[in-house]
PDB file of N, CA and C in Angstrom:
ATOM      1  N   MET A   1     -13.601  41.448  62.738  1.00  0.00           N
ATOM      2  CA  MET A   1     -12.207  41.744  62.973  1.00  0.00           C
ATOM      3  C   MET A   1     -12.089  42.951  63.897  1.00  0.00           C
ATOM      4  N   ASN A   2     -11.244  42.865  64.922  1.00  0.00           N
ATOM      5  CA  ASN A   2     -11.047  43.966  65.860  1.00  0.00           C
ATOM      6  C   ASN A   2     -10.064  44.979  65.300  1.00  0.00           C
ATOM      7  N   THR A   3     -10.399  46.237  65.493  1.00  0.00           N
ATOM      8  CA  THR A   3      -9.486  47.290  65.066  1.00  0.00           C
ATOM      9  C   THR A   3      -8.544  47.629  66.209  1.00  0.00           C
ATOM     10  N   ALA A   4      -7.511  48.406  65.921  1.00  0.00           N
ATOM     11  CA  ALA A   4      -6.539  48.786  66.946  1.00  0.00           C
ATOM     12  C   ALA A   4      -7.211  49.576  68.063  1.00  0.00           C
ATOM     13  N   GLU A   5      -8.193  50.428  67.716  1.00  0.00           N
ATOM     14  CA  GLU A   5      -8.876  51.222  68.743  1.00  0.00           C
ATOM     15  C   GLU A   5      -9.681  50.328  69.685  1.00  0.00           C
ATOM     16  N   GLN A   6     -10.312  49.301  69.145  1.00  0.00           N
ATOM     17  CA  GLN A   6     -11.092  48.397  69.979  1.00  0.00           C
ATOM     18  C   GLN A   6     -10.179  47.612  70.916  1.00  0.00           C
ATOM     19  N   LEU A   7      -9.038  47.175  70.423  1.00  0.00           N
ATOM     20  CA  LEU A   7      -8.113  46.399  71.242  1.00  0.00           C
ATOM     21  C   LEU A   7      -7.421  47.266  72.284  1.00  0.00           C
ATOM     22  N   ALA A   8      -7.202  48.539  72.005  1.00  0.00           N
ATOM     23  CA  ALA A   8      -6.497  49.427  72.925  1.00  0.00           C
ATOM     24  C   ALA A   8      -7.260  49.604  74.233  1.00  0.00           C
ATOM     25  N   GLY A   9      -8.574  49.588  74.202  1.00  0.00           N
ATOM     26  CA  GLY A   9      -9.359  49.789  75.405  1.00  0.00           C
ATOM     27  C   GLY A   9      -9.627  48.519  76.192  1.00  0.00           C
ATOM     28  N   ARG A  10      -9.249  47.373  75.684  1.00  0.00           N
ATOM     29  CA  ARG A  10      -9.533  46.094  76.320  1.00  0.00           C
ATOM     30  C   ARG A  10      -8.486  45.766  77.385  1.00  0.00           C
ATOM     31  N   VAL A  11      -8.929  45.273  78.513  1.00  0.00           N
ATOM     32  CA  VAL A  11      -8.029  44.880  79.601  1.00  0.00           C
ATOM     33  C   VAL A  11      -8.194  43.386  79.838  1.00  0.00           C
ATOM     34  N   GLU A  12      -7.070  42.666  79.828  1.00  0.00           N
ATOM     35  CA  GLU A  12      -7.098  41.229  80.097  1.00  0.00           C
ATOM     36  C   GLU A  12      -6.182  40.943  81.280  1.00  0.00           C
ATOM     37  N   ARG A  13      -6.620  40.064  82.157  1.00  0.00           N
ATOM     38  CA  ARG A  13      -5.802  39.671  83.297  1.00  0.00           C
ATOM     39  C   ARG A  13      -4.776  38.628  82.857  1.00  0.00           C
ATOM     40  N   LEU A  14      -3.558  38.765  83.378  1.00  0.00           N
ATOM     41  CA  LEU A  14      -2.501  37.798  83.103  1.00  0.00           C
ATOM     42  C   LEU A  14      -2.514  36.721  84.185  1.00  0.00           C
ATOM     43  N   SER A  15      -2.184  35.527  83.798  1.00  0.00           N
ATOM     44  CA  SER A  15      -2.064  34.446  84.779  1.00  0.00           C
ATOM     45  C   SER A  15      -0.800  34.682  85.605  1.00  0.00           C
ATOM     46  N   PRO A  16      -0.673  34.037  86.759  1.00  0.00           N
ATOM     47  CA  PRO A  16       0.553  34.196  87.552  1.00  0.00           C
ATOM     48  C   PRO A  16       1.816  33.837  86.770  1.00  0.00           C
ATOM     49  N   ALA A  17       1.733  32.810  85.939  1.00  0.00           N
ATOM     50  CA  ALA A  17       2.901  32.425  85.139  1.00  0.00           C
ATOM     51  C   ALA A  17       3.255  33.517  84.138  1.00  0.00           C
ATOM     52  N   GLU A  18       2.240  34.107  83.507  1.00  0.00           N
ATOM     53  CA  GLU A  18       2.496  35.194  82.554  1.00  0.00           C
ATOM     54  C   GLU A  18       3.077  36.421  83.245  1.00  0.00           C
ATOM     55  N   ARG A  19       2.582  36.736  84.442  1.00  0.00           N
ATOM     56  CA  ARG A  19       3.135  37.871  85.196  1.00  0.00           C
ATOM     57  C   ARG A  19       4.572  37.601  85.594  1.00  0.00           C
ATOM     58  N   TRP A  20       4.850  36.370  86.042  1.00  0.00           N
ATOM     59  CA  TRP A  20       6.209  36.004  86.439  1.00  0.00           C
ATOM     60  C   TRP A  20       7.164  36.118  85.259  1.00  0.00           C
ATOM     61  N   MET A  21       6.752  35.607  84.101  1.00  0.00           N
ATOM     62  CA  MET A  21       7.590  35.655  82.913  1.00  0.00           C
ATOM     63  C   MET A  21       7.835  37.097  82.481  1.00  0.00           C
ATOM     64  N   ARG A  22       6.795  37.903  82.488  1.00  0.00           N
ATOM     65  CA  ARG A  22       6.935  39.306  82.095  1.00  0.00           C
ATOM     66  C   ARG A  22       7.869  40.049  83.046  1.00  0.00           C
ATOM     67  N   GLY A  23       7.744  39.770  84.345  1.00  0.00           N
ATOM     68  CA  GLY A  23       8.630  40.403  85.328  1.00  0.00           C
ATOM     69  C   GLY A  23      10.080  39.999  85.116  1.00  0.00           C
ATOM     70  N   GLY A  24      10.294  38.740  84.779  1.00  0.00           N
ATOM     71  CA  GLY A  24      11.655  38.273  84.531  1.00  0.00           C
ATOM     72  C   GLY A  24      12.261  38.926  83.306  1.00  0.00           C
ATOM     73  N   LEU A  25      11.462  39.104  82.268  1.00  0.00           N
ATOM     74  CA  LEU A  25      11.958  39.753  81.052  1.00  0.00           C
ATOM     75  C   LEU A  25      12.271  41.223  81.298  1.00  0.00           C
ATOM     76  N   GLU A  26      11.481  41.882  82.146  1.00  0.00           N
ATOM     77  CA  GLU A  26      11.748  43.282  82.460  1.00  0.00           C
ATOM     78  C   GLU A  26      13.014  43.427  83.299  1.00  0.00           C
ATOM     79  N   ALA A  27      13.318  42.425  84.128  1.00  0.00           N
ATOM     80  CA  ALA A  27      14.500  42.486  84.985  1.00  0.00           C
ATOM     81  C   ALA A  27      15.783  42.222  84.214  1.00  0.00           C
ATOM     82  N   CYS A  28      15.695  41.543  83.092  1.00  0.00           N
ATOM     83  CA  CYS A  28      16.873  41.202  82.285  1.00  0.00           C
ATOM     84  C   CYS A  28      16.969  42.149  81.100  1.00  0.00           C
ATOM     85  N   PRO A  29      17.885  43.090  81.154  1.00  0.00           N
ATOM     86  CA  PRO A  29      18.005  44.008  80.018  1.00  0.00           C
ATOM     87  C   PRO A  29      18.516  43.285  78.776  1.00  0.00           C
ATOM     88  N   LEU A  30      18.161  43.801  77.626  1.00  0.00           N
ATOM     89  CA  LEU A  30      18.634  43.227  76.377  1.00  0.00           C
ATOM     90  C   LEU A  30      20.131  43.479  76.231  1.00  0.00           C
ATOM     91  N   PRO A  31      20.859  42.560  75.635  1.00  0.00           N
ATOM     92  CA  PRO A  31      22.292  42.786  75.451  1.00  0.00           C
ATOM     93  C   PRO A  31      22.524  43.954  74.498  1.00  0.00           C
ATOM     94  N   GLY A  32      23.602  44.684  74.751  1.00  0.00           N
ATOM     95  CA  GLY A  32      23.918  45.839  73.923  1.00  0.00           C
ATOM     96  C   GLY A  32      24.670  45.483  72.661  1.00  0.00           C
ATOM     97  N   PHE A  33      25.125  44.246  72.571  1.00  0.00           N
ATOM     98  CA  PHE A  33      25.866  43.836  71.389  1.00  0.00           C
ATOM     99  C   PHE A  33      25.793  42.327  71.230  1.00  0.00           C
ATOM    100  N   TYR A  34      26.293  41.855  70.120  1.00  0.00           N
ATOM    101  CA  TYR A  34      26.333  40.425  69.840  1.00  0.00           C
ATOM    102  C   TYR A  34      27.685  40.120  69.229  1.00  0.00           C
ATOM    103  N   LEU A  35      28.326  39.074  69.700  1.00  0.00           N
ATOM    104  CA  LEU A  35      29.643  38.706  69.201  1.00  0.00           C
ATOM    105  C   LEU A  35      29.616  37.261  68.743  1.00  0.00           C
ATOM    106  N   SER A  36      30.152  37.015  67.587  1.00  0.00           N
ATOM    107  CA  SER A  36      30.216  35.668  67.048  1.00  0.00           C
ATOM    108  C   SER A  36      31.631  35.416  66.546  1.00  0.00           C
ATOM    109  N   VAL A  37      32.157  34.238  66.857  1.00  0.00           N
ATOM    110  CA  VAL A  37      33.509  33.882  66.430  1.00  0.00           C
ATOM    111  C   VAL A  37      33.445  32.519  65.758  1.00  0.00           C
ATOM    112  N   GLU A  38      34.025  32.420  64.592  1.00  0.00           N
ATOM    113  CA  GLU A  38      34.097  31.145  63.888  1.00  0.00           C
ATOM    114  C   GLU A  38      35.459  30.525  64.201  1.00  0.00           C
ATOM    115  N   THR A  39      35.452  29.283  64.628  1.00  0.00           N
ATOM    116  CA  THR A  39      36.677  28.628  65.074  1.00  0.00           C
ATOM    117  C   THR A  39      36.833  27.274  64.406  1.00  0.00           C
ATOM    118  N   ASP A  40      38.057  26.964  64.013  1.00  0.00           N
ATOM    119  CA  ASP A  40      38.369  25.645  63.464  1.00  0.00           C
ATOM    120  C   ASP A  40      38.600  24.705  64.646  1.00  0.00           C
ATOM    121  N   MET A  41      37.772  23.675  64.765  1.00  0.00           N
ATOM    122  CA  MET A  41      37.849  22.760  65.893  1.00  0.00           C
ATOM    123  C   MET A  41      38.554  21.456  65.520  1.00  0.00           C
ATOM    124  N   GLY A  42      39.316  21.459  64.449  1.00  0.00           N
ATOM    125  CA  GLY A  42      40.007  20.250  63.992  1.00  0.00           C
ATOM    126  C   GLY A  42      40.966  19.694  65.030  1.00  0.00           C
ATOM    127  N   GLU A  43      41.777  20.559  65.643  1.00  0.00           N
ATOM    128  CA  GLU A  43      42.725  20.100  66.661  1.00  0.00           C
ATOM    129  C   GLU A  43      42.001  19.582  67.902  1.00  0.00           C
ATOM    130  N   ALA A  44      40.905  20.234  68.265  1.00  0.00           N
ATOM    131  CA  ALA A  44      40.126  19.771  69.415  1.00  0.00           C
ATOM    132  C   ALA A  44      39.550  18.385  69.131  1.00  0.00           C
ATOM    133  N   ARG A  45      39.078  18.182  67.910  1.00  0.00           N
ATOM    134  CA  ARG A  45      38.525  16.868  67.547  1.00  0.00           C
ATOM    135  C   ARG A  45      39.607  15.795  67.636  1.00  0.00           C
ATOM    136  N   LYS A  46      40.822  16.115  67.180  1.00  0.00           N
ATOM    137  CA  LYS A  46      41.929  15.155  67.274  1.00  0.00           C
ATOM    138  C   LYS A  46      42.230  14.813  68.727  1.00  0.00           C
ATOM    139  N   ARG A  47      42.198  15.816  69.592  1.00  0.00           N
ATOM    140  CA  ARG A  47      42.477  15.591  71.019  1.00  0.00           C
ATOM    141  C   ARG A  47      41.400  14.707  71.639  1.00  0.00           C
ATOM    142  N   ILE A  48      40.140  14.945  71.276  1.00  0.00           N
ATOM    143  CA  ILE A  48      39.047  14.114  71.793  1.00  0.00           C
ATOM    144  C   ILE A  48      39.215  12.679  71.327  1.00  0.00           C
ATOM    145  N   GLU A  49      39.580  12.476  70.069  1.00  0.00           N
ATOM    146  CA  GLU A  49      39.796  11.116  69.558  1.00  0.00           C
ATOM    147  C   GLU A  49      40.952  10.432  70.288  1.00  0.00           C
ATOM    148  N   THR A  50      42.015  11.181  70.607  1.00  0.00           N
ATOM    149  CA  THR A  50      43.139  10.622  71.357  1.00  0.00           C
ATOM    150  C   THR A  50      42.690  10.152  72.736  1.00  0.00           C
ATOM    151  N   TYR A  51      41.887  10.972  73.416  1.00  0.00           N
ATOM    152  CA  TYR A  51      41.368  10.583  74.733  1.00  0.00           C
ATOM    153  C   TYR A  51      40.453   9.368  74.625  1.00  0.00           C
ATOM    154  N   LYS A  52      39.610   9.343  73.589  1.00  0.00           N
ATOM    155  CA  LYS A  52      38.709   8.198  73.405  1.00  0.00           C
ATOM    156  C   LYS A  52      39.496   6.913  73.189  1.00  0.00           C
ATOM    157  N   ALA A  53      40.616   6.992  72.455  1.00  0.00           N
ATOM    158  CA  ALA A  53      41.451   5.810  72.211  1.00  0.00           C
ATOM    159  C   ALA A  53      42.035   5.279  73.517  1.00  0.00           C
ATOM    160  N   LYS A  54      42.207   6.172  74.498  1.00  0.00           N
ATOM    161  CA  LYS A  54      42.728   5.783  75.811  1.00  0.00           C
ATOM    162  C   LYS A  54      41.610   5.358  76.759  1.00  0.00           C
ATOM    163  N   GLY A  55      40.365   5.369  76.265  1.00  0.00           N
ATOM    164  CA  GLY A  55      39.232   4.935  77.086  1.00  0.00           C
ATOM    165  C   GLY A  55      38.656   6.034  77.970  1.00  0.00           C
ATOM    166  N   LYS A  56      39.005   7.297  77.703  1.00  0.00           N
ATOM    167  CA  LYS A  56      38.493   8.411  78.502  1.00  0.00           C
ATOM    168  C   LYS A  56      37.406   9.132  77.727  1.00  0.00           C
ATOM    169  N   ARG A  57      36.393   9.610  78.476  1.00  0.00           N
ATOM    170  CA  ARG A  57      35.303  10.365  77.863  1.00  0.00           C
ATOM    171  C   ARG A  57      35.574  11.848  78.037  1.00  0.00           C
ATOM    172  N   VAL A  58      35.762  12.558  76.928  1.00  0.00           N
ATOM    173  CA  VAL A  58      36.045  13.992  76.958  1.00  0.00           C
ATOM    174  C   VAL A  58      35.082  14.687  75.993  1.00  0.00           C
ATOM    175  N   THR A  59      34.608  15.867  76.384  1.00  0.00           N
ATOM    176  CA  THR A  59      33.703  16.646  75.538  1.00  0.00           C
ATOM    177  C   THR A  59      34.368  17.952  75.126  1.00  0.00           C
ATOM    178  N   TYR A  60      33.761  18.630  74.157  1.00  0.00           N
ATOM    179  CA  TYR A  60      34.254  19.941  73.757  1.00  0.00           C
ATOM    180  C   TYR A  60      34.190  20.916  74.934  1.00  0.00           C
ATOM    181  N   THR A  61      33.154  20.808  75.738  1.00  0.00           N
ATOM    182  CA  THR A  61      33.017  21.686  76.899  1.00  0.00           C
ATOM    183  C   THR A  61      34.197  21.529  77.841  1.00  0.00           C
ATOM    184  N   ALA A  62      34.629  20.301  78.083  1.00  0.00           N
ATOM    185  CA  ALA A  62      35.775  20.066  78.957  1.00  0.00           C
ATOM    186  C   ALA A  62      37.029  20.712  78.378  1.00  0.00           C
ATOM    187  N   LEU A  63      37.191  20.636  77.067  1.00  0.00           N
ATOM    188  CA  LEU A  63      38.349  21.271  76.439  1.00  0.00           C
ATOM    189  C   LEU A  63      38.281  22.786  76.551  1.00  0.00           C
ATOM    190  N   PHE A  64      37.079  23.367  76.390  1.00  0.00           N
ATOM    191  CA  PHE A  64      36.916  24.812  76.545  1.00  0.00           C
ATOM    192  C   PHE A  64      37.264  25.245  77.958  1.00  0.00           C
ATOM    193  N   VAL A  65      36.774  24.519  78.961  1.00  0.00           N
ATOM    194  CA  VAL A  65      37.050  24.865  80.359  1.00  0.00           C
ATOM    195  C   VAL A  65      38.547  24.788  80.627  1.00  0.00           C
ATOM    196  N   GLN A  66      39.198  23.760  80.113  1.00  0.00           N
ATOM    197  CA  GLN A  66      40.638  23.615  80.287  1.00  0.00           C
ATOM    198  C   GLN A  66      41.391  24.781  79.632  1.00  0.00           C
ATOM    199  N   ALA A  67      40.978  25.179  78.444  1.00  0.00           N
ATOM    200  CA  ALA A  67      41.641  26.279  77.752  1.00  0.00           C
ATOM    201  C   ALA A  67      41.443  27.605  78.502  1.00  0.00           C
ATOM    202  N   VAL A  68      40.252  27.835  79.022  1.00  0.00           N
ATOM    203  CA  VAL A  68      39.995  29.056  79.783  1.00  0.00           C
ATOM    204  C   VAL A  68      40.813  29.065  81.066  1.00  0.00           C
ATOM    205  N   ALA A  69      40.889  27.929  81.750  1.00  0.00           N
ATOM    206  CA  ALA A  69      41.684  27.845  82.981  1.00  0.00           C
ATOM    207  C   ALA A  69      43.142  28.154  82.713  1.00  0.00           C
ATOM    208  N   ARG A  70      43.659  27.630  81.618  1.00  0.00           N
ATOM    209  CA  ARG A  70      45.062  27.910  81.269  1.00  0.00           C
ATOM    210  C   ARG A  70      45.256  29.382  80.917  1.00  0.00           C
ATOM    211  N   ALA A  71      44.297  29.976  80.231  1.00  0.00           N
ATOM    212  CA  ALA A  71      44.411  31.387  79.856  1.00  0.00           C
ATOM    213  C   ALA A  71      44.357  32.291  81.082  1.00  0.00           C
ATOM    214  N   LEU A  72      43.550  31.919  82.069  1.00  0.00           N
ATOM    215  CA  LEU A  72      43.418  32.740  83.268  1.00  0.00           C
ATOM    216  C   LEU A  72      44.556  32.532  84.271  1.00  0.00           C
ATOM    217  N   ALA A  73      45.287  31.417  84.139  1.00  0.00           N
ATOM    218  CA  ALA A  73      46.349  31.108  85.113  1.00  0.00           C
ATOM    219  C   ALA A  73      47.544  32.020  84.992  1.00  0.00           C
TER     220      ALA A  73
END
């Protein structure tokens, strides 16, 4: 079993993919906070069912985009 002192002096080369990934992680700072919102999607589900009854394909994402567009208008 290797001890921490033995591992501290060891140098291993990273593959190009590992270097690329490490560089990308260093370039992206960690978020300073986390936000979570619980939402009742019952009305959205009803709207999707209404569109489906009319033969249209609608997703939750489309409803979110529509709501954001209306809020920003």
